[in-house]
Amino acid sequence: MNEHYLHYSMLIEWSGEDQAYLVTLPEWADRVILPATHGSTYGEAVQHGQEVLELLVNSAIQDREPLPPKNARSSID
């Protein structure tokens, strides 16, 4: 199992229109249609987001494509 996907961001937001939690993957925005996945519960959205990230990372590595830079957040004082 490749754990590089654990270092990427996921934005999870409730959509009243879709009645689902939508998962956006900011670092992958130029490579996938967003939202990348969804879930009927927050936990399900997290699980689906992790699965999509793992697939994206593994696919990029297999195809010898560069991984997008990880979003480095500054510390809040």
Protein backbone atom coordinates (compact mmCIF):
# COMPACT_ATOMS: atom_id res chain seq x y z
CA MET A 1 0.00 0.00 0.00
CA ASN A 2 1.32 3.42 -0.96
CA GLU A 3 0.85 5.96 1.82
CA HIS A 4 1.92 9.06 -0.16
CA TYR A 5 -1.80 9.87 -0.49
CA LEU A 6 -2.00 10.57 3.24
CA HIS A 7 -0.08 13.82 2.75
CA TYR A 8 -2.60 15.49 0.43
CA SER A 9 -5.49 17.76 1.39
CA MET A 10 -9.17 16.92 1.29
CA LEU A 11 -11.87 19.54 1.60
CA ILE A 12 -15.20 18.04 2.69
CA GLU A 13 -18.31 20.19 2.50
CA TRP A 14 -22.01 19.47 2.93
CA SER A 15 -24.10 20.14 -0.18
CA GLY A 16 -27.76 20.78 0.51
CA GLU A 17 -28.44 20.59 -3.22
CA ASP A 18 -26.86 17.14 -3.53
CA GLN A 19 -27.75 16.01 0.01
CA ALA A 20 -24.21 14.62 0.33
CA TYR A 21 -20.76 15.51 1.61
CA LEU A 22 -18.64 16.52 -1.40
CA VAL A 23 -14.89 15.86 -1.44
CA THR A 24 -12.54 18.24 -3.22
CA LEU A 25 -8.84 17.43 -3.64
CA PRO A 26 -7.13 20.84 -3.98
CA GLU A 27 -3.69 19.62 -5.10
CA TRP A 28 -5.27 17.46 -7.82
CA ALA A 29 -7.68 20.11 -9.14
CA ASP A 30 -5.93 20.34 -12.52
CA ARG A 31 -6.02 16.55 -13.00
CA VAL A 32 -9.51 15.48 -11.93
CA ILE A 33 -13.05 16.78 -12.20
CA LEU A 34 -14.13 18.19 -8.86
CA PRO A 35 -15.70 17.27 -6.60
CA ALA A 36 -13.67 14.08 -6.85
CA THR A 37 -16.10 11.97 -4.82
CA HIS A 38 -18.82 12.20 -2.19
CA GLY A 39 -20.44 10.35 0.69
CA SER A 40 -23.80 10.24 2.40
CA THR A 41 -22.02 10.63 5.77
CA TYR A 42 -18.89 12.56 6.69
CA GLY A 43 -17.05 9.31 7.47
CA GLU A 44 -18.05 7.80 4.14
CA ALA A 45 -16.81 10.94 2.33
CA VAL A 46 -13.44 10.68 4.13
CA GLN A 47 -13.14 7.00 3.19
CA HIS A 48 -14.02 7.68 -0.45
CA GLY A 49 -11.61 10.63 -0.55
CA GLN A 50 -8.77 8.46 0.77
CA GLU A 51 -9.56 5.79 -1.80
CA VAL A 52 -9.52 8.30 -4.66
CA LEU A 53 -6.25 9.84 -3.44
CA GLU A 54 -4.64 6.41 -3.22
CA LEU A 55 -5.77 5.60 -6.77
CA LEU A 56 -4.49 8.93 -8.10
CA VAL A 57 -1.10 8.60 -6.41
CA ASN A 58 -0.64 4.97 -7.47
CA SER A 59 -1.68 5.77 -11.04
CA ALA A 60 0.75 8.71 -11.27
CA ILE A 61 3.60 6.58 -9.89
CA GLN A 62 2.79 3.68 -12.23
CA ASP A 63 2.64 6.04 -15.24
CA ARG A 64 5.83 7.79 -14.07
CA GLU A 65 4.04 11.12 -13.88
CA PRO A 66 5.12 13.70 -11.31
CA LEU A 67 2.99 13.95 -8.21
CA PRO A 68 1.51 17.38 -7.56
CA PRO A 69 3.25 19.36 -4.82
CA LYS A 70 1.69 18.90 -1.41
CA ASN A 71 -0.06 21.92 0.09
CA ALA A 72 2.19 23.15 2.88
CA ARG A 73 0.20 25.08 5.48
CA SER A 74 1.89 27.64 7.67
CA SER A 75 1.47 27.34 11.42
CA ILE A 76 -1.05 29.60 13.08
CA ASP A 77 0.27 31.68 15.98
